[in-house]
C-alpha cells in the first residue's frame, strides 16, 4: 500500500495500492457502472460503481477502462487495467463511499 485512508482534511478520500501497469482491476462488489471516463481532475481514468442506495466504489488512475457507463458488473469482474493516468507511478486509487461520505476501504476488504 502506498497511502492509507486519511479522512480529516487531507483530501485523501481513499487508499492508494501499488501495482504493475496492466494488472487487472476488479470490482469489489456487484453493481452498476455510473461513471467511466477521465473528466474528474486528479483521478486519471476513473470508474465509479454504485452497489446499492448507500454504497459506491471508485477506481482511479487506470491505464484502460474495460466497462462502459450503465454496465452491470459482478464481484471480482475485471473492470480496468491498472495504470498511472493522473499520477506519477502505477497505482490504484480505491475509494468506498457510504451515503456520499468517504469511509476507510480497509474496513470493507476481506481479511487474510
PDB file of N, CA and C in Angstrom:
ATOM      1  N   UNK A   1       0.841  -1.172   0.000  1.00  0.00           N
ATOM      2  CA  UNK A   1       0.000   0.000   0.000  1.00  0.00           C
ATOM      3  C   UNK A   1       0.891   1.242   0.000  1.00  0.00           C
ATOM      4  N   UNK A   2       0.511   2.190  -0.834  1.00  0.00           N
ATOM      5  CA  UNK A   2       1.269   3.433  -0.953  1.00  0.00           C
ATOM      6  C   UNK A   2       0.760   4.475   0.034  1.00  0.00           C
ATOM      7  N   UNK A   3      -0.563   4.539   0.176  1.00  0.00           N
ATOM      8  CA  UNK A   3      -1.148   5.563   1.046  1.00  0.00           C
ATOM      9  C   UNK A   3      -2.404   5.012   1.702  1.00  0.00           C
ATOM     10  N   UNK A   4      -2.528   5.278   2.989  1.00  0.00           N
ATOM     11  CA  UNK A   4      -3.710   4.872   3.757  1.00  0.00           C
ATOM     12  C   UNK A   4      -4.789   5.952   3.704  1.00  0.00           C
ATOM     13  N   UNK A   5      -5.963   5.590   4.127  1.00  0.00           N
ATOM     14  CA  UNK A   5      -7.107   6.496   4.231  1.00  0.00           C
ATOM     15  C   UNK A   5      -6.843   7.535   5.317  1.00  0.00           C
ATOM     16  N   UNK A   6      -7.049   8.805   4.991  1.00  0.00           N
ATOM     17  CA  UNK A   6      -6.860   9.910   5.935  1.00  0.00           C
ATOM     18  C   UNK A   6      -8.065  10.840   5.819  1.00  0.00           C
ATOM     19  N   UNK A   7      -9.089  10.624   6.628  1.00  0.00           N
ATOM     20  CA  UNK A   7     -10.348  11.335   6.430  1.00  0.00           C
ATOM     21  C   UNK A   7     -10.355  12.806   6.818  1.00  0.00           C
ATOM     22  N   UNK A   8      -9.563  13.230   7.775  1.00  0.00           N
ATOM     23  CA  UNK A   8      -9.669  14.584   8.310  1.00  0.00           C
ATOM     24  C   UNK A   8      -8.866  15.595   7.502  1.00  0.00           C
ATOM     25  N   UNK A   9      -9.524  16.317   6.596  1.00  0.00           N
ATOM     26  CA  UNK A   9      -8.965  17.489   5.960  1.00  0.00           C
ATOM     27  C   UNK A   9      -7.781  17.301   5.019  1.00  0.00           C
ATOM     28  N   UNK A  10      -7.398  16.084   4.690  1.00  0.00           N
ATOM     29  CA  UNK A  10      -6.224  15.884   3.848  1.00  0.00           C
ATOM     30  C   UNK A  10      -6.569  15.793   2.370  1.00  0.00           C
ATOM     31  N   UNK A  11      -7.834  15.544   2.077  1.00  0.00           N
ATOM     32  CA  UNK A  11      -8.214  15.326   0.692  1.00  0.00           C
ATOM     33  C   UNK A  11      -7.964  13.906   0.234  1.00  0.00           C
ATOM     34  N   UNK A  12      -7.395  13.062   1.081  1.00  0.00           N
ATOM     35  CA  UNK A  12      -7.129  11.651   0.752  1.00  0.00           C
ATOM     36  C   UNK A  12      -8.376  10.844   1.100  1.00  0.00           C
ATOM     37  N   UNK A  13      -9.266  10.707   0.127  1.00  0.00           N
ATOM     38  CA  UNK A  13     -10.563  10.090   0.379  1.00  0.00           C
ATOM     39  C   UNK A  13     -10.573   8.590   0.165  1.00  0.00           C
ATOM     40  N   UNK A  14      -9.440   8.041  -0.214  1.00  0.00           N
ATOM     41  CA  UNK A  14      -9.354   6.607  -0.439  1.00  0.00           C
ATOM     42  C   UNK A  14      -7.965   6.125  -0.095  1.00  0.00           C
ATOM     43  N   UNK A  15      -7.628   4.949  -0.604  1.00  0.00           N
ATOM     44  CA  UNK A  15      -6.290   4.394  -0.407  1.00  0.00           C
ATOM     45  C   UNK A  15      -5.614   4.260  -1.767  1.00  0.00           C
ATOM     46  N   UNK A  16      -4.303   4.236  -1.765  1.00  0.00           N
ATOM     47  CA  UNK A  16      -3.528   4.024  -2.984  1.00  0.00           C
ATOM     48  C   UNK A  16      -2.809   2.689  -2.847  1.00  0.00           C
ATOM     49  N   UNK A  17      -2.999   1.828  -3.830  1.00  0.00           N
ATOM     50  CA  UNK A  17      -2.441   0.488  -3.814  1.00  0.00           C
ATOM     51  C   UNK A  17      -1.430   0.365  -4.948  1.00  0.00           C
ATOM     52  N   UNK A  18      -0.208  -0.021  -4.603  1.00  0.00           N
ATOM     53  CA  UNK A  18       0.847  -0.197  -5.608  1.00  0.00           C
ATOM     54  C   UNK A  18       0.529  -1.395  -6.491  1.00  0.00           C
ATOM     55  N   UNK A  19       0.989  -1.335  -7.726  1.00  0.00           N
ATOM     56  CA  UNK A  19       0.787  -2.447  -8.648  1.00  0.00           C
ATOM     57  C   UNK A  19       1.608  -2.257  -9.903  1.00  0.00           C
ATOM     58  N   UNK A  20       1.454  -3.191 -10.805  1.00  0.00           N
ATOM     59  CA  UNK A  20       2.157  -3.155 -12.090  1.00  0.00           C
ATOM     60  C   UNK A  20       1.201  -2.674 -13.177  1.00  0.00           C
ATOM     61  N   UNK A  21       1.706  -1.839 -14.065  1.00  0.00           N
ATOM     62  CA  UNK A  21       0.910  -1.363 -15.195  1.00  0.00           C
ATOM     63  C   UNK A  21       0.333  -2.576 -15.954  1.00  0.00           C
ATOM     64  N   UNK A  22      -0.953  -2.519 -16.223  1.00  0.00           N
ATOM     65  CA  UNK A  22      -1.621  -3.576 -16.971  1.00  0.00           C
ATOM     66  C   UNK A  22      -2.233  -4.668 -16.107  1.00  0.00           C
ATOM     67  N   UNK A  23      -1.979  -4.629 -14.809  1.00  0.00           N
ATOM     68  CA  UNK A  23      -2.556  -5.605 -13.881  1.00  0.00           C
ATOM     69  C   UNK A  23      -4.080  -5.410 -13.841  1.00  0.00           C
ATOM     70  N   UNK A  24      -4.869  -6.498 -13.729  1.00  0.00           N
ATOM     71  CA  UNK A  24      -6.327  -6.320 -13.712  1.00  0.00           C
ATOM     72  C   UNK A  24      -6.813  -5.604 -12.453  1.00  0.00           C
ATOM     73  N   UNK A  25      -7.799  -4.738 -12.640  1.00  0.00           N
ATOM     74  CA  UNK A  25      -8.522  -4.089 -11.550  1.00  0.00           C
ATOM     75  C   UNK A  25      -9.892  -4.738 -11.535  1.00  0.00           C
ATOM     76  N   UNK A  26     -10.333  -5.193 -10.367  1.00  0.00           N
ATOM     77  CA  UNK A  26     -11.581  -5.954 -10.262  1.00  0.00           C
ATOM     78  C   UNK A  26     -12.592  -5.226  -9.383  1.00  0.00           C
ATOM     79  N   UNK A  27     -13.865  -5.384  -9.723  1.00  0.00           N
ATOM     80  CA  UNK A  27     -14.943  -4.779  -8.937  1.00  0.00           C
ATOM     81  C   UNK A  27     -14.976  -5.399  -7.543  1.00  0.00           C
ATOM     82  N   UNK A  28     -15.128  -4.550  -6.539  1.00  0.00           N
ATOM     83  CA  UNK A  28     -15.155  -5.016  -5.152  1.00  0.00           C
ATOM     84  C   UNK A  28     -16.446  -5.757  -4.821  1.00  0.00           C
ATOM     85  N   UNK A  29     -17.538  -5.398  -5.475  1.00  0.00           N
ATOM     86  CA  UNK A  29     -18.850  -5.986  -5.210  1.00  0.00           C
ATOM     87  C   UNK A  29     -19.712  -5.783  -6.453  1.00  0.00           C
ATOM     88  N   UNK A  30     -20.819  -6.501  -6.566  1.00  0.00           N
ATOM     89  CA  UNK A  30     -21.686  -6.304  -7.727  1.00  0.00           C
ATOM     90  C   UNK A  30     -22.317  -4.914  -7.725  1.00  0.00           C
ATOM     91  N   UNK A  31     -22.629  -4.424  -8.913  1.00  0.00           N
ATOM     92  CA  UNK A  31     -23.272  -3.121  -9.010  1.00  0.00           C
ATOM     93  C   UNK A  31     -23.387  -2.652 -10.441  1.00  0.00           C
ATOM     94  N   UNK A  32     -23.671  -1.359 -10.598  1.00  0.00           N
ATOM     95  CA  UNK A  32     -23.827  -0.749 -11.924  1.00  0.00           C
ATOM     96  C   UNK A  32     -22.818   0.373 -12.073  1.00  0.00           C
ATOM     97  N   UNK A  33     -22.157   0.425 -13.221  1.00  0.00           N
ATOM     98  CA  UNK A  33     -21.168   1.472 -13.510  1.00  0.00           C
ATOM     99  C   UNK A  33     -21.925   2.783 -13.749  1.00  0.00           C
ATOM    100  N   UNK A  34     -21.675   3.768 -12.889  1.00  0.00           N
ATOM    101  CA  UNK A  34     -22.347   5.064 -13.020  1.00  0.00           C
ATOM    102  C   UNK A  34     -21.428   6.134 -13.605  1.00  0.00           C
ATOM    103  N   UNK A  35     -20.126   5.845 -13.660  1.00  0.00           N
ATOM    104  CA  UNK A  35     -19.179   6.760 -14.293  1.00  0.00           C
ATOM    105  C   UNK A  35     -18.014   5.957 -14.836  1.00  0.00           C
ATOM    106  N   UNK A  36     -17.597   6.321 -16.038  1.00  0.00           N
ATOM    107  CA  UNK A  36     -16.459   5.678 -16.688  1.00  0.00           C
ATOM    108  C   UNK A  36     -15.824   6.716 -17.610  1.00  0.00           C
ATOM    109  N   UNK A  37     -14.691   7.283 -17.184  1.00  0.00           N
ATOM    110  CA  UNK A  37     -14.069   8.318 -18.004  1.00  0.00           C
ATOM    111  C   UNK A  37     -12.915   9.000 -17.306  1.00  0.00           C
ATOM    112  N   UNK A  38     -12.528  10.153 -17.853  1.00  0.00           N
ATOM    113  CA  UNK A  38     -11.379  10.876 -17.310  1.00  0.00           C
ATOM    114  C   UNK A  38     -11.695  12.352 -17.070  1.00  0.00           C
ATOM    115  N   UNK A  39     -12.949  12.656 -16.770  1.00  0.00           N
ATOM    116  CA  UNK A  39     -13.360  14.042 -16.597  1.00  0.00           C
ATOM    117  C   UNK A  39     -13.208  14.606 -15.194  1.00  0.00           C
ATOM    118  N   UNK A  40     -12.844  13.786 -14.210  1.00  0.00           N
ATOM    119  CA  UNK A  40     -12.670  14.280 -12.845  1.00  0.00           C
ATOM    120  C   UNK A  40     -11.184  14.475 -12.572  1.00  0.00           C
ATOM    121  N   UNK A  41     -10.765  15.701 -12.357  1.00  0.00           N
ATOM    122  CA  UNK A  41      -9.359  16.044 -12.169  1.00  0.00           C
ATOM    123  C   UNK A  41      -8.773  15.307 -10.963  1.00  0.00           C
ATOM    124  N   UNK A  42      -7.578  14.746 -11.159  1.00  0.00           N
ATOM    125  CA  UNK A  42      -6.862  14.093 -10.074  1.00  0.00           C
ATOM    126  C   UNK A  42      -7.057  12.594  -9.975  1.00  0.00           C
ATOM    127  N   UNK A  43      -7.972  12.040 -10.779  1.00  0.00           N
ATOM    128  CA  UNK A  43      -8.253  10.611 -10.719  1.00  0.00           C
ATOM    129  C   UNK A  43      -7.797   9.843 -11.957  1.00  0.00           C
ATOM    130  N   UNK A  44      -7.347  10.549 -12.989  1.00  0.00           N
ATOM    131  CA  UNK A  44      -6.990   9.875 -14.231  1.00  0.00           C
ATOM    132  C   UNK A  44      -8.215   9.201 -14.819  1.00  0.00           C
ATOM    133  N   UNK A  45      -8.025   8.048 -15.432  1.00  0.00           N
ATOM    134  CA  UNK A  45      -9.148   7.264 -15.957  1.00  0.00           C
ATOM    135  C   UNK A  45      -9.823   6.578 -14.775  1.00  0.00           C
ATOM    136  N   UNK A  46     -11.095   6.928 -14.565  1.00  0.00           N
ATOM    137  CA  UNK A  46     -11.814   6.571 -13.347  1.00  0.00           C
ATOM    138  C   UNK A  46     -13.081   5.778 -13.655  1.00  0.00           C
ATOM    139  N   UNK A  47     -13.376   4.825 -12.770  1.00  0.00           N
ATOM    140  CA  UNK A  47     -14.634   4.073 -12.823  1.00  0.00           C
ATOM    141  C   UNK A  47     -15.303   4.222 -11.462  1.00  0.00           C
ATOM    142  N   UNK A  48     -16.606   4.487 -11.471  1.00  0.00           N
ATOM    143  CA  UNK A  48     -17.397   4.507 -10.238  1.00  0.00           C
ATOM    144  C   UNK A  48     -18.513   3.482 -10.386  1.00  0.00           C
ATOM    145  N   UNK A  49     -18.617   2.597  -9.386  1.00  0.00           N
ATOM    146  CA  UNK A  49     -19.644   1.554  -9.374  1.00  0.00           C
ATOM    147  C   UNK A  49     -20.586   1.816  -8.208  1.00  0.00           C
ATOM    148  N   UNK A  50     -21.883   1.886  -8.513  1.00  0.00           N
ATOM    149  CA  UNK A  50     -22.899   2.036  -7.467  1.00  0.00           C
ATOM    150  C   UNK A  50     -23.374   0.638  -7.101  1.00  0.00           C
ATOM    151  N   UNK A  51     -23.256   0.304  -5.806  1.00  0.00           N
ATOM    152  CA  UNK A  51     -23.590  -1.047  -5.358  1.00  0.00           C
ATOM    153  C   UNK A  51     -25.022  -1.147  -4.849  1.00  0.00           C
ATOM    154  N   UNK A  52     -25.503  -0.117  -4.200  1.00  0.00           N
ATOM    155  CA  UNK A  52     -26.880  -0.055  -3.714  1.00  0.00           C
ATOM    156  C   UNK A  52     -27.185   1.407  -3.388  1.00  0.00           C
ATOM    157  N   UNK A  53     -28.257   1.650  -2.645  1.00  0.00           N
ATOM    158  CA  UNK A  53     -28.628   3.035  -2.348  1.00  0.00           C
ATOM    159  C   UNK A  53     -27.637   3.735  -1.427  1.00  0.00           C
ATOM    160  N   UNK A  54     -26.782   2.984  -0.724  1.00  0.00           N
ATOM    161  CA  UNK A  54     -25.841   3.584   0.219  1.00  0.00           C
ATOM    162  C   UNK A  54     -24.397   3.589  -0.251  1.00  0.00           C
ATOM    163  N   UNK A  55     -23.966   2.532  -0.946  1.00  0.00           N
ATOM    164  CA  UNK A  55     -22.535   2.341  -1.216  1.00  0.00           C
ATOM    165  C   UNK A  55     -22.165   2.496  -2.680  1.00  0.00           C
ATOM    166  N   UNK A  56     -20.990   3.097  -2.889  1.00  0.00           N
ATOM    167  CA  UNK A  56     -20.356   3.084  -4.208  1.00  0.00           C
ATOM    168  C   UNK A  56     -18.863   2.917  -4.006  1.00  0.00           C
ATOM    169  N   UNK A  57     -18.185   2.455  -5.053  1.00  0.00           N
ATOM    170  CA  UNK A  57     -16.726   2.326  -5.021  1.00  0.00           C
ATOM    171  C   UNK A  57     -16.155   3.020  -6.248  1.00  0.00           C
ATOM    172  N   UNK A  58     -14.939   3.541  -6.079  1.00  0.00           N
ATOM    173  CA  UNK A  58     -14.269   4.271  -7.155  1.00  0.00           C
ATOM    174  C   UNK A  58     -12.874   3.698  -7.357  1.00  0.00           C
ATOM    175  N   UNK A  59     -12.464   3.617  -8.632  1.00  0.00           N
ATOM    176  CA  UNK A  59     -11.192   3.014  -9.032  1.00  0.00           C
ATOM    177  C   UNK A  59     -10.502   3.983  -9.984  1.00  0.00           C
ATOM    178  N   UNK A  60      -9.408   4.606  -9.545  1.00  0.00           N
ATOM    179  CA  UNK A  60      -8.767   5.638 -10.343  1.00  0.00           C
ATOM    180  C   UNK A  60      -7.372   5.293 -10.821  1.00  0.00           C
ATOM    181  N   UNK A  61      -6.884   6.080 -11.774  1.00  0.00           N
ATOM    182  CA  UNK A  61      -5.544   6.011 -12.369  1.00  0.00           C
ATOM    183  C   UNK A  61      -5.370   4.809 -13.298  1.00  0.00           C
ATOM    184  N   UNK A  62      -6.462   4.341 -13.885  1.00  0.00           N
ATOM    185  CA  UNK A  62      -6.395   3.163 -14.755  1.00  0.00           C
ATOM    186  C   UNK A  62      -5.715   3.465 -16.083  1.00  0.00           C
ATOM    187  N   UNK A  63      -5.056   2.449 -16.627  1.00  0.00           N
ATOM    188  CA  UNK A  63      -4.460   2.550 -17.954  1.00  0.00           C
ATOM    189  C   UNK A  63      -5.539   2.394 -19.021  1.00  0.00           C
ATOM    190  N   UNK A  64      -6.447   1.430 -18.794  1.00  0.00           N
ATOM    191  CA  UNK A  64      -7.508   1.160 -19.752  1.00  0.00           C
ATOM    192  C   UNK A  64      -8.770   0.779 -18.997  1.00  0.00           C
ATOM    193  N   UNK A  65      -9.881   1.369 -19.400  1.00  0.00           N
ATOM    194  CA  UNK A  65     -11.184   1.064 -18.815  1.00  0.00           C
ATOM    195  C   UNK A  65     -11.847  -0.021 -19.667  1.00  0.00           C
ATOM    196  N   UNK A  66     -12.365  -1.061 -19.020  1.00  0.00           N
ATOM    197  CA  UNK A  66     -12.938  -2.204 -19.730  1.00  0.00           C
ATOM    198  C   UNK A  66     -14.465  -2.251 -19.679  1.00  0.00           C
ATOM    199  N   UNK A  67     -15.103  -1.302 -18.961  1.00  0.00           N
ATOM    200  CA  UNK A  67     -16.565  -1.283 -18.838  1.00  0.00           C
ATOM    201  C   UNK A  67     -17.094   0.101 -19.189  1.00  0.00           C
ATOM    202  N   UNK A  68     -18.313   0.127 -19.661  1.00  0.00           N
ATOM    203  CA  UNK A  68     -18.965   1.389 -20.019  1.00  0.00           C
ATOM    204  C   UNK A  68     -19.980   1.790 -18.965  1.00  0.00           C
ATOM    205  N   UNK A  69     -20.320   3.075 -18.932  1.00  0.00           N
ATOM    206  CA  UNK A  69     -21.376   3.540 -18.040  1.00  0.00           C
ATOM    207  C   UNK A  69     -22.655   2.767 -18.337  1.00  0.00           C
ATOM    208  N   UNK A  70     -23.361   2.390 -17.273  1.00  0.00           N
ATOM    209  CA  UNK A  70     -24.600   1.646 -17.415  1.00  0.00           C
ATOM    210  C   UNK A  70     -24.428   0.140 -17.337  1.00  0.00           C
ATOM    211  N   UNK A  71     -23.199  -0.338 -17.454  1.00  0.00           N
ATOM    212  CA  UNK A  71     -22.937  -1.782 -17.414  1.00  0.00           C
ATOM    213  C   UNK A  71     -23.164  -2.322 -16.001  1.00  0.00           C
ATOM    214  N   UNK A  72     -23.673  -3.536 -15.921  1.00  0.00           N
ATOM    215  CA  UNK A  72     -23.785  -4.247 -14.653  1.00  0.00           C
ATOM    216  C   UNK A  72     -22.527  -5.076 -14.488  1.00  0.00           C
ATOM    217  N   UNK A  73     -21.916  -5.015 -13.303  1.00  0.00           N
ATOM    218  CA  UNK A  73     -20.691  -5.773 -13.045  1.00  0.00           C
ATOM    219  C   UNK A  73     -20.915  -6.708 -11.854  1.00  0.00           C
ATOM    220  N   UNK A  74     -20.165  -7.792 -11.841  1.00  0.00           N
ATOM    221  CA  UNK A  74     -20.228  -8.733 -10.732  1.00  0.00           C
ATOM    222  C   UNK A  74     -18.983  -8.578  -9.861  1.00  0.00           C
ATOM    223  N   UNK A  75     -19.054  -9.054  -8.638  1.00  0.00           N
ATOM    224  CA  UNK A  75     -17.903  -9.001  -7.739  1.00  0.00           C
ATOM    225  C   UNK A  75     -16.752  -9.774  -8.358  1.00  0.00           C
ATOM    226  N   UNK A  76     -15.582  -9.163  -8.395  1.00  0.00           N
ATOM    227  CA  UNK A  76     -14.396  -9.814  -8.948  1.00  0.00           C
ATOM    228  C   UNK A  76     -14.222  -9.667 -10.449  1.00  0.00           C
ATOM    229  N   UNK A  77     -15.193  -9.085 -11.122  1.00  0.00           N
ATOM    230  CA  UNK A  77     -15.097  -8.895 -12.579  1.00  0.00           C
ATOM    231  C   UNK A  77     -14.007  -7.893 -12.916  1.00  0.00           C
ATOM    232  N   UNK A  78     -13.220  -8.178 -13.975  1.00  0.00           N
ATOM    233  CA  UNK A  78     -12.218  -7.223 -14.458  1.00  0.00           C
ATOM    234  C   UNK A  78     -12.940  -6.021 -15.038  1.00  0.00           C
ATOM    235  N   UNK A  79     -12.609  -4.829 -14.490  1.00  0.00           N
ATOM    236  CA  UNK A  79     -13.254  -3.609 -14.973  1.00  0.00           C
ATOM    237  C   UNK A  79     -12.263  -2.637 -15.595  1.00  0.00           C
ATOM    238  N   UNK A  80     -10.968  -2.852 -15.337  1.00  0.00           N
ATOM    239  CA  UNK A  80      -9.939  -1.942 -15.858  1.00  0.00           C
ATOM    240  C   UNK A  80      -8.580  -2.620 -15.783  1.00  0.00           C
ATOM    241  N   UNK A  81      -7.594  -1.931 -16.374  1.00  0.00           N
ATOM    242  CA  UNK A  81      -6.191  -2.326 -16.237  1.00  0.00           C
ATOM    243  C   UNK A  81      -5.481  -1.220 -15.476  1.00  0.00           C
ATOM    244  N   UNK A  82      -4.728  -1.584 -14.460  1.00  0.00           N
ATOM    245  CA  UNK A  82      -4.038  -0.634 -13.602  1.00  0.00           C
ATOM    246  C   UNK A  82      -3.068   0.221 -14.415  1.00  0.00           C
ATOM    247  N   UNK A  83      -2.972   1.483 -14.055  1.00  0.00           N
ATOM    248  CA  UNK A  83      -2.083   2.378 -14.794  1.00  0.00           C
ATOM    249  C   UNK A  83      -1.561   3.515 -13.938  1.00  0.00           C
ATOM    250  N   UNK A  84      -1.179   4.599 -14.624  1.00  0.00           N
ATOM    251  CA  UNK A  84      -0.633   5.758 -13.931  1.00  0.00           C
ATOM    252  C   UNK A  84      -1.217   7.066 -14.467  1.00  0.00           C
ATOM    253  N   UNK A  85      -2.436   7.010 -15.021  1.00  0.00           N
ATOM    254  CA  UNK A  85      -3.051   8.237 -15.524  1.00  0.00           C
ATOM    255  C   UNK A  85      -3.372   9.153 -14.345  1.00  0.00           C
ATOM    256  N   UNK A  86      -2.935  10.384 -14.427  1.00  0.00           N
ATOM    257  CA  UNK A  86      -3.192  11.358 -13.373  1.00  0.00           C
ATOM    258  C   UNK A  86      -2.307  11.214 -12.152  1.00  0.00           C
ATOM    259  N   UNK A  87      -1.243  10.425 -12.237  1.00  0.00           N
ATOM    260  CA  UNK A  87      -0.326  10.229 -11.117  1.00  0.00           C
ATOM    261  C   UNK A  87       1.081   9.968 -11.648  1.00  0.00           C
ATOM    262  N   UNK A  88       2.049   9.821 -10.742  1.00  0.00           N
ATOM    263  CA  UNK A  88       3.444   9.691 -11.174  1.00  0.00           C
ATOM    264  C   UNK A  88       3.974   8.257 -11.191  1.00  0.00           C
ATOM    265  N   UNK A  89       3.152   7.280 -10.803  1.00  0.00           N
ATOM    266  CA  UNK A  89       3.580   5.874 -10.854  1.00  0.00           C
ATOM    267  C   UNK A  89       2.349   4.982 -10.916  1.00  0.00           C
ATOM    268  N   UNK A  90       2.513   3.747 -11.391  1.00  0.00           N
ATOM    269  CA  UNK A  90       1.367   2.844 -11.465  1.00  0.00           C
ATOM    270  C   UNK A  90       0.779   2.580 -10.076  1.00  0.00           C
ATOM    271  N   UNK A  91      -0.527   2.786  -9.972  1.00  0.00           N
ATOM    272  CA  UNK A  91      -1.222   2.542  -8.705  1.00  0.00           C
ATOM    273  C   UNK A  91      -2.723   2.506  -8.958  1.00  0.00           C
ATOM    274  N   UNK A  92      -3.433   1.962  -7.988  1.00  0.00           N
ATOM    275  CA  UNK A  92      -4.886   2.029  -7.990  1.00  0.00           C
ATOM    276  C   UNK A  92      -5.316   2.949  -6.857  1.00  0.00           C
ATOM    277  N   UNK A  93      -6.077   3.973  -7.184  1.00  0.00           N
ATOM    278  CA  UNK A  93      -6.741   4.762  -6.153  1.00  0.00           C
ATOM    279  C   UNK A  93      -8.083   4.085  -5.940  1.00  0.00           C
ATOM    280  N   UNK A  94      -8.370   3.677  -4.693  1.00  0.00           N
ATOM    281  CA  UNK A  94      -9.592   2.939  -4.382  1.00  0.00           C
ATOM    282  C   UNK A  94     -10.339   3.658  -3.263  1.00  0.00           C
ATOM    283  N   UNK A  95     -11.595   3.971  -3.534  1.00  0.00           N
ATOM    284  CA  UNK A  95     -12.454   4.653  -2.564  1.00  0.00           C
ATOM    285  C   UNK A  95     -13.731   3.872  -2.368  1.00  0.00           C
ATOM    286  N   UNK A  96     -14.258   3.927  -1.154  1.00  0.00           N
ATOM    287  CA  UNK A  96     -15.626   3.482  -0.885  1.00  0.00           C
ATOM    288  C   UNK A  96     -16.331   4.656  -0.229  1.00  0.00           C
ATOM    289  N   UNK A  97     -17.539   4.910  -0.690  1.00  0.00           N
ATOM    290  CA  UNK A  97     -18.355   5.965  -0.090  1.00  0.00           C
ATOM    291  C   UNK A  97     -19.669   5.364   0.386  1.00  0.00           C
ATOM    292  N   UNK A  98     -20.034   5.770   1.598  1.00  0.00           N
ATOM    293  CA  UNK A  98     -21.311   5.344   2.174  1.00  0.00           C
ATOM    294  C   UNK A  98     -22.152   6.601   2.353  1.00  0.00           C
ATOM    295  N   UNK A  99     -23.309   6.627   1.721  1.00  0.00           N
ATOM    296  CA  UNK A  99     -24.194   7.800   1.756  1.00  0.00           C
ATOM    297  C   UNK A  99     -23.439   9.068   1.368  1.00  0.00           C
ATOM    298  N   UNK A 100     -22.546   8.950   0.374  1.00  0.00           N
ATOM    299  CA  UNK A 100     -21.811  10.091  -0.164  1.00  0.00           C
ATOM    300  C   UNK A 100     -20.560  10.473   0.595  1.00  0.00           C
ATOM    301  N   UNK A 101     -20.314   9.846   1.744  1.00  0.00           N
ATOM    302  CA  UNK A 101     -19.150  10.203   2.557  1.00  0.00           C
ATOM    303  C   UNK A 101     -18.072   9.133   2.448  1.00  0.00           C
ATOM    304  N   UNK A 102     -16.804   9.541   2.287  1.00  0.00           N
ATOM    305  CA  UNK A 102     -15.724   8.555   2.206  1.00  0.00           C
ATOM    306  C   UNK A 102     -15.580   7.773   3.507  1.00  0.00           C
ATOM    307  N   UNK A 103     -15.377   6.472   3.380  1.00  0.00           N
ATOM    308  CA  UNK A 103     -15.104   5.600   4.521  1.00  0.00           C
ATOM    309  C   UNK A 103     -13.823   4.831   4.235  1.00  0.00           C
ATOM    310  N   UNK A 104     -13.195   4.298   5.276  1.00  0.00           N
ATOM    311  CA  UNK A 104     -11.936   3.567   5.113  1.00  0.00           C
ATOM    312  C   UNK A 104     -12.187   2.258   4.366  1.00  0.00           C
ATOM    313  N   UNK A 105     -11.664   2.113   3.146  1.00  0.00           N
ATOM    314  CA  UNK A 105     -11.883   0.887   2.373  1.00  0.00           C
ATOM    315  C   UNK A 105     -11.355  -0.368   3.069  1.00  0.00           C
ATOM    316  N   UNK A 106     -10.323  -0.223   3.895  1.00  0.00           N
ATOM    317  CA  UNK A 106      -9.753  -1.399   4.562  1.00  0.00           C
ATOM    318  C   UNK A 106     -10.754  -2.057   5.501  1.00  0.00           C
ATOM    319  N   UNK A 107     -11.723  -1.307   5.993  1.00  0.00           N
ATOM    320  CA  UNK A 107     -12.759  -1.890   6.856  1.00  0.00           C
ATOM    321  C   UNK A 107     -13.684  -2.814   6.090  1.00  0.00           C
ATOM    322  N   UNK A 108     -13.703  -2.707   4.776  1.00  0.00           N
ATOM    323  CA  UNK A 108     -14.637  -3.478   3.953  1.00  0.00           C
ATOM    324  C   UNK A 108     -13.944  -4.579   3.148  1.00  0.00           C
ATOM    325  N   UNK A 109     -12.621  -4.627   3.208  1.00  0.00           N
ATOM    326  CA  UNK A 109     -11.875  -5.607   2.431  1.00  0.00           C
ATOM    327  C   UNK A 109     -11.732  -6.900   3.230  1.00  0.00           C
ATOM    328  N   UNK A 110     -11.684  -8.048   2.536  1.00  0.00           N
ATOM    329  CA  UNK A 110     -11.538  -9.320   3.247  1.00  0.00           C
ATOM    330  C   UNK A 110     -10.215  -9.401   3.998  1.00  0.00           C
ATOM    331  N   UNK A 111     -10.247 -10.033   5.146  1.00  0.00           N
ATOM    332  CA  UNK A 111      -9.033 -10.248   5.945  1.00  0.00           C
ATOM    333  C   UNK A 111      -8.341 -11.503   5.472  1.00  0.00           C
ATOM    334  N   UNK A 112      -7.016 -11.493   5.484  1.00  0.00           N
ATOM    335  CA  UNK A 112      -6.265 -12.686   5.078  1.00  0.00           C
ATOM    336  C   UNK A 112      -5.613 -13.326   6.266  1.00  0.00           C
TER     337      UNK A 112
END
